[in-house]
C-alpha atoms as a PDB file:
ATOM      1  CA  MET A   1       0.001   0.003  -0.004  1.00  0.00           C
ATOM      2  CA  LYS A   2       2.790   2.419   0.908  1.00  0.00           C
ATOM      3  CA  ARG A   3       4.476   1.741  -2.450  1.00  0.00           C
ATOM      4  CA  MET A   4       1.324   2.935  -4.174  1.00  0.00           C
ATOM      5  CA  THR A   5       1.189   6.222  -2.267  1.00  0.00           C
ATOM      6  CA  MET A   6       3.467   8.255  -4.547  1.00  0.00           C
ATOM      7  CA  PRO A   7       2.065   7.033  -7.913  1.00  0.00           C
ATOM      8  CA  VAL A   8      -1.477   7.696  -6.684  1.00  0.00           C
ATOM      9  CA  ALA A   9      -0.391  11.133  -5.473  1.00  0.00           C
ATOM     10  CA  ALA A  10       1.230  11.865  -8.855  1.00  0.00           C
ATOM     11  CA  ALA A  11      -1.976  10.893 -10.669  1.00  0.00           C
ATOM     12  CA  ALA A  12      -3.984  13.100  -8.324  1.00  0.00           C
ATOM     13  CA  LEU A  13      -1.675  16.042  -9.016  1.00  0.00           C
ATOM     14  CA  LEU A  14      -2.109  15.562 -12.772  1.00  0.00           C
ATOM     15  CA  VAL A  15      -5.892  15.674 -12.352  1.00  0.00           C
ATOM     16  CA  LEU A  16      -5.565  18.805 -10.232  1.00  0.00           C
ATOM     17  CA  ALA A  17      -3.349  20.423 -12.864  1.00  0.00           C
ATOM     18  CA  VAL A  18      -6.068  19.948 -15.482  1.00  0.00           C
ATOM     19  CA  ALA A  19      -8.800  21.049 -13.072  1.00  0.00           C
ATOM     20  CA  GLY A  20      -6.846  24.136 -12.089  1.00  0.00           C
ATOM     21  CA  THR A  21      -6.703  25.318 -15.711  1.00  0.00           C
ATOM     22  CA  ALA A  22     -10.347  24.652 -16.557  1.00  0.00           C
ATOM     23  CA  TRP A  23     -10.944  28.391 -16.399  1.00  0.00           C
ATOM     24  CA  ARG A  24      -8.622  28.941 -19.364  1.00  0.00           C
ATOM     25  CA  PRO A  25      -8.277  25.752 -21.417  1.00  0.00           C
ATOM     26  CA  ASP A  26      -5.245  26.471 -23.588  1.00  0.00           C
ATOM     27  CA  LEU A  27      -1.798  24.958 -23.785  1.00  0.00           C
ATOM     28  CA  ARG A  28      -0.058  27.765 -21.897  1.00  0.00           C
ATOM     29  CA  ALA A  29      -2.558  27.582 -19.042  1.00  0.00           C
ATOM     30  CA  LEU A  30      -2.222  23.788 -18.914  1.00  0.00           C
ATOM     31  CA  LEU A  31       1.558  24.112 -18.723  1.00  0.00           C
ATOM     32  CA  ALA A  32       1.183  26.706 -15.965  1.00  0.00           C
ATOM     33  CA  GLY A  33      -1.098  24.346 -14.059  1.00  0.00           C
ATOM     34  CA  TYR A  34       1.473  21.590 -14.468  1.00  0.00           C
ATOM     35  CA  LEU A  35       4.188  23.909 -13.135  1.00  0.00           C
ATOM     36  CA  ALA A  36       2.064  24.840 -10.111  1.00  0.00           C
ATOM     37  CA  LEU A  37       1.348  21.221  -9.191  1.00  0.00           C
ATOM     38  CA  TRP A  38       4.925  20.168  -9.897  1.00  0.00           C
ATOM     39  CA  TRP A  39       6.107  22.916  -7.562  1.00  0.00           C
ATOM     40  CA  PHE A  40       3.704  21.649  -4.907  1.00  0.00           C
ATOM     41  CA  GLY A  41       4.715  17.988  -5.146  1.00  0.00           C
ATOM     42  CA  THR A  42       8.453  18.521  -5.455  1.00  0.00           C
ATOM     43  CA  GLY A  43       8.329  21.225  -2.811  1.00  0.00           C
ATOM     44  CA  ALA A  44       6.657  18.905  -0.306  1.00  0.00           C
ATOM     45  CA  LEU A  45       9.440  16.345  -0.796  1.00  0.00           C
ATOM     46  CA  LEU A  46      12.120  19.026  -0.523  1.00  0.00           C
ATOM     47  CA  GLY A  47      10.444  20.597   2.493  1.00  0.00           C
ATOM     48  CA  GLY A  48      10.333  17.200   4.169  1.00  0.00           C
ATOM     49  CA  LEU A  49      14.082  16.802   3.667  1.00  0.00           C
ATOM     50  CA  ALA A  50      14.642  20.292   5.051  1.00  0.00           C
ATOM     51  CA  ASN A  51      12.778  19.263   8.208  1.00  0.00           C
ATOM     52  CA  VAL A  52      15.050  16.217   8.508  1.00  0.00           C
ATOM     53  CA  TRP A  53      18.108  18.475   8.295  1.00  0.00           C
ATOM     54  CA  LEU A  54      16.568  20.881  10.800  1.00  0.00           C
ATOM     55  CA  HIS A  55      16.126  18.034  13.264  1.00  0.00           C
ATOM     56  CA  GLN A  56      19.719  16.895  12.806  1.00  0.00           C
ATOM     57  CA  LEU A  57      20.819  20.389  13.823  1.00  0.00           C
ATOM     58  CA  THR A  58      18.465  20.912  16.754  1.00  0.00           C
ATOM     59  CA  GLY A  59      17.781  17.396  18.074  1.00  0.00           C
ATOM     60  CA  GLY A  60      14.604  16.356  19.854  1.00  0.00           C
ATOM     61  CA  ALA A  61      12.386  13.311  19.962  1.00  0.00           C
ATOM     62  CA  TRP A  62       9.900  14.869  17.533  1.00  0.00           C
ATOM     63  CA  GLY A  63      12.263  14.336  14.608  1.00  0.00           C
ATOM     64  CA  GLU A  64      12.679  10.614  15.272  1.00  0.00           C
ATOM     65  CA  THR A  65       8.979  10.196  14.535  1.00  0.00           C
ATOM     66  CA  ILE A  66       8.934  11.900  11.153  1.00  0.00           C
ATOM     67  CA  ARG A  67      12.415  11.006   9.903  1.00  0.00           C
ATOM     68  CA  PRO A  68      11.688   7.511   8.448  1.00  0.00           C
ATOM     69  CA  PRO A  69       8.636   8.452   6.330  1.00  0.00           C
ATOM     70  CA  LEU A  70      10.260  11.660   5.090  1.00  0.00           C
ATOM     71  CA  LEU A  71      13.403   9.830   4.009  1.00  0.00           C
ATOM     72  CA  ARG A  72      11.289   7.212   2.224  1.00  0.00           C
ATOM     73  CA  ALA A  73       9.408   9.990   0.439  1.00  0.00           C
ATOM     74  CA  ALA A  74      12.678  11.746  -0.473  1.00  0.00           C
ATOM     75  CA  ARG A  75      13.712   8.711  -2.547  1.00  0.00           C
ATOM     76  CA  TRP A  76      11.171   9.922  -5.108  1.00  0.00           C
ATOM     77  CA  LEU A  77      12.815  13.337  -5.419  1.00  0.00           C
ATOM     78  CA  PRO A  78      15.150  12.486  -8.359  1.00  0.00           C
ATOM     79  CA  LEU A  79      12.136  11.236 -10.328  1.00  0.00           C
ATOM     80  CA  ALA A  80      10.187  14.365  -9.401  1.00  0.00           C
ATOM     81  CA  CYS A  81      13.068  16.469 -10.698  1.00  0.00           C
ATOM     82  CA  LEU A  82      12.959  14.640 -14.035  1.00  0.00           C
ATOM     83  CA  LEU A  83       9.298  15.565 -14.321  1.00  0.00           C
ATOM     84  CA  PHE A  84      10.319  19.216 -14.734  1.00  0.00           C
ATOM     85  CA  LEU A  85      11.263  18.407 -18.345  1.00  0.00           C
ATOM     86  CA  PRO A  86       7.879  19.537 -19.818  1.00  0.00           C
ATOM     87  CA  VAL A  87       8.413  23.004 -18.348  1.00  0.00           C
ATOM     88  CA  LEU A  88      11.844  23.278 -19.987  1.00  0.00           C
ATOM     89  CA  LEU A  89      10.466  22.027 -23.294  1.00  0.00           C
ATOM     90  CA  GLY A  90       7.607  24.539 -23.143  1.00  0.00           C
ATOM     91  CA  MET A  91       9.557  27.482 -21.728  1.00  0.00           C
ATOM     92  CA  GLN A  92       9.089  29.638 -24.831  1.00  0.00           C
ATOM     93  CA  LEU A  93       5.335  29.212 -24.487  1.00  0.00           C
ATOM     94  CA  LEU A  94       5.282  29.816 -20.747  1.00  0.00           C
ATOM     95  CA  TYR A  95       7.783  32.614 -20.113  1.00  0.00           C
ATOM     96  CA  PRO A  96       7.370  36.000 -21.870  1.00  0.00           C
ATOM     97  CA  TRP A  97      11.134  36.624 -21.984  1.00  0.00           C
ATOM     98  CA  ALA A  98      12.064  33.237 -23.486  1.00  0.00           C
ATOM     99  CA  ASP A  99      11.856  34.512 -27.069  1.00  0.00           C
ATOM    100  CA  GLY A 100      14.993  36.571 -26.467  1.00  0.00           C
ATOM    101  CA  GLN A 101      13.302  39.871 -25.591  1.00  0.00           C
ATOM    102  CA  VAL A 102      14.685  41.184 -22.302  1.00  0.00           C
ATOM    103  CA  PRO A 103      12.008  42.758 -20.062  1.00  0.00           C
ATOM    104  CA  GLU A 104      12.308  46.396 -19.004  1.00  0.00           C
ATOM    105  CA  PRO A 105      14.504  47.795 -17.639  1.00  0.00           C
ATOM    106  CA  ALA A 106      16.868  46.081 -20.094  1.00  0.00           C
ATOM    107  CA  THR A 107      20.053  46.335 -18.061  1.00  0.00           C
ATOM    108  CA  GLY A 108      23.177  44.299 -18.706  1.00  0.00           C
ATOM    109  CA  PHE A 109      22.468  42.018 -15.763  1.00  0.00           C
ATOM    110  CA  ARG A 110      18.890  41.305 -16.875  1.00  0.00           C
ATOM    111  CA  THR A 111      20.090  40.625 -20.421  1.00  0.00           C
ATOM    112  CA  TRP A 112      22.525  38.086 -19.014  1.00  0.00           C
ATOM    113  CA  TRP A 113      20.073  36.579 -16.513  1.00  0.00           C
ATOM    114  CA  PHE A 114      17.088  36.309 -18.865  1.00  0.00           C
ATOM    115  CA  ASN A 115      19.003  34.253 -21.354  1.00  0.00           C
ATOM    116  CA  PRO A 116      17.153  31.052 -22.329  1.00  0.00           C
ATOM    117  CA  VAL A 117      20.327  28.934 -22.435  1.00  0.00           C
ATOM    118  CA  PHE A 118      21.465  30.191 -19.040  1.00  0.00           C
ATOM    119  CA  PHE A 119      17.941  29.567 -17.687  1.00  0.00           C
ATOM    120  CA  VAL A 120      18.128  25.907 -18.761  1.00  0.00           C
ATOM    121  CA  VAL A 121      21.616  25.540 -17.280  1.00  0.00           C
ATOM    122  CA  ARG A 122      20.494  27.023 -13.963  1.00  0.00           C
ATOM    123  CA  SER A 123      17.417  24.811 -13.896  1.00  0.00           C
ATOM    124  CA  VAL A 124      19.431  21.656 -14.497  1.00  0.00           C
ATOM    125  CA  LEU A 125      21.833  22.670 -11.728  1.00  0.00           C
ATOM    126  CA  TYR A 126      18.981  23.171  -9.228  1.00  0.00           C
ATOM    127  CA  LEU A 127      17.444  19.815 -10.098  1.00  0.00           C
ATOM    128  CA  ALA A 128      20.782  18.001 -10.021  1.00  0.00           C
ATOM    129  CA  LEU A 129      21.611  19.565  -6.656  1.00  0.00           C
ATOM    130  CA  TRP A 130      18.307  18.517  -5.097  1.00  0.00           C
ATOM    131  CA  SER A 131      18.639  15.002  -6.464  1.00  0.00           C
ATOM    132  CA  LEU A 132      22.176  14.789  -5.088  1.00  0.00           C
ATOM    133  CA  LEU A 133      21.100  16.060  -1.658  1.00  0.00           C
ATOM    134  CA  ALA A 134      18.284  13.504  -1.547  1.00  0.00           C
ATOM    135  CA  TRP A 135      20.635  10.712  -2.645  1.00  0.00           C
ATOM    136  CA  ILE A 136      23.204  11.622   0.016  1.00  0.00           C
ATOM    137  CA  GLU A 137      20.713  11.915   2.881  1.00  0.00           C
ATOM    138  CA  THR A 138      18.687   8.813   2.096  1.00  0.00           C
ATOM    139  CA  ARG A 139      21.834   6.668   1.904  1.00  0.00           C
ATOM    140  CA  ALA A 140      23.827   8.192   4.749  1.00  0.00           C
ATOM    141  CA  ARG A 141      24.746   5.644   7.432  1.00  0.00           C
ATOM    142  CA  SER A 142      25.220   8.262  10.137  1.00  0.00           C
ATOM    143  CA  ARG A 143      23.915  11.682  11.027  1.00  0.00           C
ATOM    144  CA  SER A 144      26.041  14.799  10.810  1.00  0.00           C
ATOM    145  CA  ALA A 145      25.176  18.292  12.010  1.00  0.00           C
ATOM    146  CA  GLY A 146      27.774  19.695   9.614  1.00  0.00           C
ATOM    147  CA  ARG A 147      26.225  17.918   6.635  1.00  0.00           C
ATOM    148  CA  ALA A 148      22.761  19.033   7.704  1.00  0.00           C
ATOM    149  CA  ALA A 149      23.885  22.667   7.967  1.00  0.00           C
ATOM    150  CA  ALA A 150      25.508  22.557   4.529  1.00  0.00           C
ATOM    151  CA  CYS A 151      22.411  20.916   3.016  1.00  0.00           C
ATOM    152  CA  LEU A 152      20.094  23.506   4.563  1.00  0.00           C
ATOM    153  CA  LEU A 153      22.219  26.346   3.199  1.00  0.00           C
ATOM    154  CA  ALA A 154      22.289  24.770  -0.257  1.00  0.00           C
ATOM    155  CA  TYR A 155      18.540  24.153  -0.083  1.00  0.00           C
ATOM    156  CA  GLY A 156      17.654  27.701   0.992  1.00  0.00           C
ATOM    157  CA  PHE A 157      19.864  29.347  -1.624  1.00  0.00           C
ATOM    158  CA  SER A 158      18.802  27.120  -4.514  1.00  0.00           C
ATOM    159  CA  VAL A 159      15.082  27.183  -3.736  1.00  0.00           C
ATOM    160  CA  SER A 160      15.107  30.988  -3.531  1.00  0.00           C
ATOM    161  CA  LEU A 161      16.758  31.209  -6.956  1.00  0.00           C
ATOM    162  CA  ALA A 162      14.492  28.543  -8.435  1.00  0.00           C
ATOM    163  CA  ALA A 163      11.381  30.344  -7.175  1.00  0.00           C
ATOM    164  CA  ALA A 164      12.597  33.537  -8.824  1.00  0.00           C
ATOM    165  CA  ASP A 165      13.461  31.758 -12.080  1.00  0.00           C
ATOM    166  CA  TRP A 166      10.450  29.494 -12.452  1.00  0.00           C
ATOM    167  CA  ILE A 167       7.636  31.433 -10.800  1.00  0.00           C
ATOM    168  CA  MET A 168       8.547  35.079 -10.350  1.00  0.00           C
ATOM    169  CA  SER A 169       9.805  35.404 -13.937  1.00  0.00           C
ATOM    170  CA  LEU A 170       6.361  34.498 -15.264  1.00  0.00           C
ATOM    171  CA  GLN A 171       5.915  38.251 -14.722  1.00  0.00           C
ATOM    172  CA  PRO A 172       9.485  39.370 -15.407  1.00  0.00           C
ATOM    173  CA  GLU A 173       8.731  43.016 -14.688  1.00  0.00           C
ATOM    174  CA  TRP A 174       7.957  42.104 -11.046  1.00  0.00           C
ATOM    175  CA  TYR A 175      10.372  41.488  -8.195  1.00  0.00           C
ATOM    176  CA  SER A 176      10.091  40.752  -4.467  1.00  0.00           C
ATOM    177  CA  SER A 177      13.010  40.173  -2.107  1.00  0.00           C
ATOM    178  CA  VAL A 178      10.686  38.175   0.193  1.00  0.00           C
ATOM    179  CA  PHE A 179       9.507  35.721  -2.448  1.00  0.00           C
ATOM    180  CA  GLY A 180      12.258  33.130  -2.016  1.00  0.00           C
ATOM    181  CA  TRP A 181      11.796  32.971   1.766  1.00  0.00           C
ATOM    182  CA  LEU A 182       8.043  32.688   1.289  1.00  0.00           C
ATOM    183  CA  ALA A 183       8.449  29.798  -1.159  1.00  0.00           C
ATOM    184  CA  ALA A 184      10.859  27.899   1.118  1.00  0.00           C
ATOM    185  CA  THR A 185       8.633  28.382   4.172  1.00  0.00           C
ATOM    186  CA  GLY A 186       5.649  27.053   2.252  1.00  0.00           C
ATOM    187  CA  GLN A 187       7.646  23.992   1.224  1.00  0.00           C
ATOM    188  CA  MET A 188       8.777  23.232   4.773  1.00  0.00           C
ATOM    189  CA  LEU A 189       5.198  23.626   5.986  1.00  0.00           C
ATOM    190  CA  ALA A 190       3.988  21.234   3.297  1.00  0.00           C
ATOM    191  CA  GLY A 191       6.797  18.790   4.115  1.00  0.00           C
ATOM    192  CA  LEU A 192       5.883  18.678   7.792  1.00  0.00           C
ATOM    193  CA  ALA A 193       2.166  18.354   7.021  1.00  0.00           C
ATOM    194  CA  LEU A 194       3.008  15.419   4.725  1.00  0.00           C
ATOM    195  CA  ALA A 195       5.002  13.813   7.540  1.00  0.00           C
ATOM    196  CA  VAL A 196       2.079  14.166   9.981  1.00  0.00           C
ATOM    197  CA  LEU A 197      -0.142  12.350   7.478  1.00  0.00           C
ATOM    198  CA  LEU A 198       2.380   9.547   6.892  1.00  0.00           C
ATOM    199  CA  ILE A 199       3.206   8.683  10.505  1.00  0.00           C
ATOM    200  CA  ASP A 200       1.197   6.453  12.825  1.00  0.00           C
ATOM    201  CA  ARG A 201      -0.303   9.245  14.898  1.00  0.00           C
ATOM    202  CA  GLU A 202      -1.754   6.954  17.545  1.00  0.00           C
ATOM    203  CA  ALA A 203       1.658   5.391  18.192  1.00  0.00           C
ATOM    204  CA  ALA A 204       3.321   8.820  18.161  1.00  0.00           C
ATOM    205  CA  ARG A 205       0.739  10.508  20.371  1.00  0.00           C
ATOM    206  CA  GLN A 206       3.393  11.838  22.787  1.00  0.00           C
ATOM    207  CA  ARG A 207       5.179  13.640  19.961  1.00  0.00           C
ATOM    208  CA  LEU A 208       2.074  15.243  18.443  1.00  0.00           C
ATOM    209  CA  PRO A 209       2.216  18.439  20.558  1.00  0.00           C
ATOM    210  CA  ASP A 210       5.769  19.057  19.356  1.00  0.00           C
ATOM    211  CA  LEU A 211       4.753  18.528  15.734  1.00  0.00           C
ATOM    212  CA  GLY A 212       1.744  20.771  16.259  1.00  0.00           C
ATOM    213  CA  ASN A 213       3.959  23.531  17.650  1.00  0.00           C
ATOM    214  CA  LEU A 214       6.279  23.219  14.680  1.00  0.00           C
ATOM    215  CA  LEU A 215       3.327  23.395  12.300  1.00  0.00           C
ATOM    216  CA  MET A 216       2.146  26.526  14.094  1.00  0.00           C
ATOM    217  CA  MET A 217       5.587  28.087  13.682  1.00  0.00           C
ATOM    218  CA  TYR A 218       5.509  27.441   9.943  1.00  0.00           C
ATOM    219  CA  VAL A 219       1.972  28.787   9.616  1.00  0.00           C
ATOM    220  CA  LEU A 220       2.959  31.976  11.463  1.00  0.00           C
ATOM    221  CA  SER A 221       6.141  32.387   9.401  1.00  0.00           C
ATOM    222  CA  TRP A 222       4.310  31.910   6.105  1.00  0.00           C
ATOM    223  CA  ALA A 223       1.548  34.345   7.092  1.00  0.00           C
ATOM    224  CA  TYR A 224       4.067  36.927   8.297  1.00  0.00           C
ATOM    225  CA  LEU A 225       6.139  36.774   5.103  1.00  0.00           C
ATOM    226  CA  ALA A 226       3.055  36.938   2.865  1.00  0.00           C
ATOM    227  CA  TYR A 227       1.783  39.953   4.804  1.00  0.00           C
ATOM    228  CA  VAL A 228       5.166  41.730   4.791  1.00  0.00           C
ATOM    229  CA  GLN A 229       5.468  41.264   1.021  1.00  0.00           C
ATOM    230  CA  PHE A 230       2.000  42.728   0.477  1.00  0.00           C
ATOM    231  CA  LEU A 231       2.529  45.585   2.973  1.00  0.00           C
ATOM    232  CA  ILE A 232       5.815  46.741   1.436  1.00  0.00           C
ATOM    233  CA  ILE A 233       4.435  46.673  -2.108  1.00  0.00           C
ATOM    234  CA  TRP A 234       1.170  48.336  -1.072  1.00  0.00           C
ATOM    235  CA  ALA A 235       3.005  51.116   0.790  1.00  0.00           C
ATOM    236  CA  ALA A 236       5.392  51.839  -2.080  1.00  0.00           C
ATOM    237  CA  ASP A 237       2.627  51.633  -4.735  1.00  0.00           C
ATOM    238  CA  LEU A 238       5.104  51.415  -7.600  1.00  0.00           C
ATOM    239  CA  PRO A 239       3.699  50.305 -10.979  1.00  0.00           C
ATOM    240  CA  ARG A 240       6.265  47.538 -11.504  1.00  0.00           C
ATOM    241  CA  GLU A 241       5.746  46.143  -7.999  1.00  0.00           C
ATOM    242  CA  ILE A 242       1.925  46.219  -7.905  1.00  0.00           C
ATOM    243  CA  ALA A 243       1.690  44.430 -11.276  1.00  0.00           C
ATOM    244  CA  TRP A 244       1.767  41.047  -9.533  1.00  0.00           C
ATOM    245  CA  TYR A 245      -1.209  41.918  -7.328  1.00  0.00           C
ATOM    246  CA  LEU A 246      -3.120  43.571 -10.157  1.00  0.00           C
ATOM    247  CA  ARG A 247      -3.183  40.203 -11.939  1.00  0.00           C
ATOM    248  CA  ARG A 248      -4.887  38.819  -8.810  1.00  0.00           C
ATOM    249  CA  ASP A 249      -7.322  41.724  -8.432  1.00  0.00           C
ATOM    250  CA  THR A 250     -10.406  39.865  -9.684  1.00  0.00           C
ATOM    251  CA  PRO A 251     -13.394  38.369  -7.822  1.00  0.00           C
ATOM    252  CA  GLY A 252     -12.182  34.816  -8.447  1.00  0.00           C
ATOM    253  CA  TRP A 253      -8.695  35.410  -7.127  1.00  0.00           C
ATOM    254  CA  HIS A 254     -10.093  37.470  -4.242  1.00  0.00           C
ATOM    255  CA  ALA A 255     -11.896  34.303  -3.185  1.00  0.00           C
ATOM    256  CA  VAL A 256      -8.643  32.352  -3.435  1.00  0.00           C
ATOM    257  CA  ALA A 257      -6.878  34.958  -1.285  1.00  0.00           C
ATOM    258  CA  TRP A 258      -9.560  34.725   1.405  1.00  0.00           C
ATOM    259  CA  GLY A 259      -9.387  30.942   1.208  1.00  0.00           C
ATOM    260  CA  LEU A 260      -5.634  31.064   1.793  1.00  0.00           C
ATOM    261  CA  LEU A 261      -6.121  33.408   4.731  1.00  0.00           C
ATOM    262  CA  ALA A 262      -8.623  31.021   6.282  1.00  0.00           C
ATOM    263  CA  LEU A 263      -7.071  27.628   5.429  1.00  0.00           C
ATOM    264  CA  HIS A 264      -3.353  28.406   5.257  1.00  0.00           C
ATOM    265  CA  GLY A 265      -3.183  31.035   7.984  1.00  0.00           C
ATOM    266  CA  ALA A 266      -5.808  32.095  10.521  1.00  0.00           C
ATOM    267  CA  GLY A 267      -7.809  28.855  10.719  1.00  0.00           C
ATOM    268  CA  PRO A 268      -4.882  26.488  11.395  1.00  0.00           C
ATOM    269  CA  LEU A 269      -3.355  29.021  13.785  1.00  0.00           C
ATOM    270  CA  VAL A 270      -6.492  29.174  15.919  1.00  0.00           C
ATOM    271  CA  ILE A 271      -6.716  25.374  16.052  1.00  0.00           C
ATOM    272  CA  LEU A 272      -3.017  24.915  16.839  1.00  0.00           C
ATOM    273  CA  LEU A 273      -3.253  27.325  19.766  1.00  0.00           C
ATOM    274  CA  SER A 274      -5.278  24.625  21.514  1.00  0.00           C
ATOM    275  CA  ARG A 275      -3.203  22.073  23.426  1.00  0.00           C
ATOM    276  CA  ARG A 276      -6.077  19.597  23.246  1.00  0.00           C
ATOM    277  CA  ALA A 277      -6.220  19.850  19.450  1.00  0.00           C
ATOM    278  CA  LYS A 278      -2.481  19.181  19.161  1.00  0.00           C
ATOM    279  CA  GLN A 279      -2.830  16.082  21.326  1.00  0.00           C
ATOM    280  CA  ALA A 280      -5.671  14.609  19.217  1.00  0.00           C
ATOM    281  CA  PRO A 281      -4.338  12.346  16.426  1.00  0.00           C
ATOM    282  CA  ARG A 282      -7.447  12.671  14.286  1.00  0.00           C
ATOM    283  CA  VAL A 283      -7.613  16.466  14.589  1.00  0.00           C
ATOM    284  CA  LEU A 284      -3.946  16.905  13.728  1.00  0.00           C
ATOM    285  CA  GLY A 285      -4.291  14.526  10.787  1.00  0.00           C
ATOM    286  CA  VAL A 286      -7.255  16.430   9.368  1.00  0.00           C
ATOM    287  CA  LEU A 287      -5.451  19.718   9.905  1.00  0.00           C
ATOM    288  CA  ALA A 288      -2.357  18.412   8.067  1.00  0.00           C
ATOM    289  CA  ALA A 289      -4.547  17.352   5.132  1.00  0.00           C
ATOM    290  CA  VAL A 290      -6.198  20.785   5.069  1.00  0.00           C
ATOM    291  CA  LEU A 291      -2.816  22.506   5.101  1.00  0.00           C
ATOM    292  CA  LEU A 292      -1.621  20.392   2.162  1.00  0.00           C
ATOM    293  CA  ALA A 293      -4.796  21.196   0.220  1.00  0.00           C
ATOM    294  CA  ALA A 294      -4.372  24.875   1.063  1.00  0.00           C
ATOM    295  CA  HIS A 295      -0.789  24.717  -0.151  1.00  0.00           C
ATOM    296  CA  VAL A 296      -2.028  23.434  -3.510  1.00  0.00           C
ATOM    297  CA  LEU A 297      -4.222  26.530  -3.603  1.00  0.00           C
ATOM    298  CA  ASP A 298      -1.206  28.656  -2.698  1.00  0.00           C
ATOM    299  CA  CYS A 299       0.799  27.193  -5.597  1.00  0.00           C
ATOM    300  CA  TRP A 300      -2.077  27.997  -7.962  1.00  0.00           C
ATOM    301  CA  TRP A 301      -2.134  31.543  -6.527  1.00  0.00           C
ATOM    302  CA  LEU A 302       1.569  31.946  -7.208  1.00  0.00           C
ATOM    303  CA  VAL A 303       1.527  30.662 -10.790  1.00  0.00           C
ATOM    304  CA  LEU A 304      -1.818  30.758 -12.596  1.00  0.00           C
ATOM    305  CA  PRO A 305      -2.734  34.472 -12.459  1.00  0.00           C
ATOM    306  CA  SER A 306       0.659  35.325 -13.931  1.00  0.00           C
ATOM    307  CA  VAL A 307      -0.284  33.688 -17.236  1.00  0.00           C
ATOM    308  CA  GLY A 308      -3.768  35.184 -17.596  1.00  0.00           C
ATOM    309  CA  ARG A 309      -5.585  38.396 -16.878  1.00  0.00           C
ATOM    310  CA  ASP A 310      -8.332  36.854 -14.765  1.00  0.00           C
ATOM    311  CA  VAL A 311      -9.771  33.614 -13.457  1.00  0.00           C
ATOM    312  CA  HIS A 312     -12.358  33.205 -16.158  1.00  0.00           C
ATOM    313  CA  GLY A 313     -10.034  34.421 -18.907  1.00  0.00           C
END
């Protein structure tokens, strides 16, 4: 049964990718939906590994509970990285700058950075790095705080760049210095929520409060970063910076934003403030499933509006 978990999950993500682009049934929208769901699935595996490295640095009984299922899940990461190939093949359809036209302002750095060949090289390097990190950690015979620290640094740096390359550059005129941190925090939240679903929660009842507290920390961090990004851009009110939010200024995407606030932020936070809720295996399991579903919505929010003017297109 456990061997079937990942293939079933992959099939479910493919269905969600199609469903997420039903509002605009064209090839570019379908590719954007694929990118969003690929980012969700690969990010959950990466975020799970990041939680393993975090535990190796900090210690604690909580990590012993989630380590085995997260390492088993991480064995799928090289395959998940290979599944990025359709995005590379369709990059000229998906990214406005991929036809060789550098977005404004056309500085020397942007000309160099928004080069299709260099984009492919960077992408391959990210994917190869993540596959290598997963291979090393899943086959390591001993734990090492030094290795964990190096892996976390490599993960944080590469994920921030990948988020800018693959998601932010869908609107190349837009930039946010918070975006990479926001993407990594969302991945680590999804990775921990996946771990909570995979473990035997009844057997690990004593560790559930610790996992609940860690989930609450991720929820707070994600909400804070999302709010700070919005606040800074709203206060500055610069045309290039507000372009990202203008694409999401429609009734449909307003509903998605409120859904994220309720299911990815305020709702889980209120529940996780309760000690009783964190000690209940069924409650924590349902909450982890809700957070994963909300993270799918968050990945749609990050990607889909950037390829279309509105939800109904």
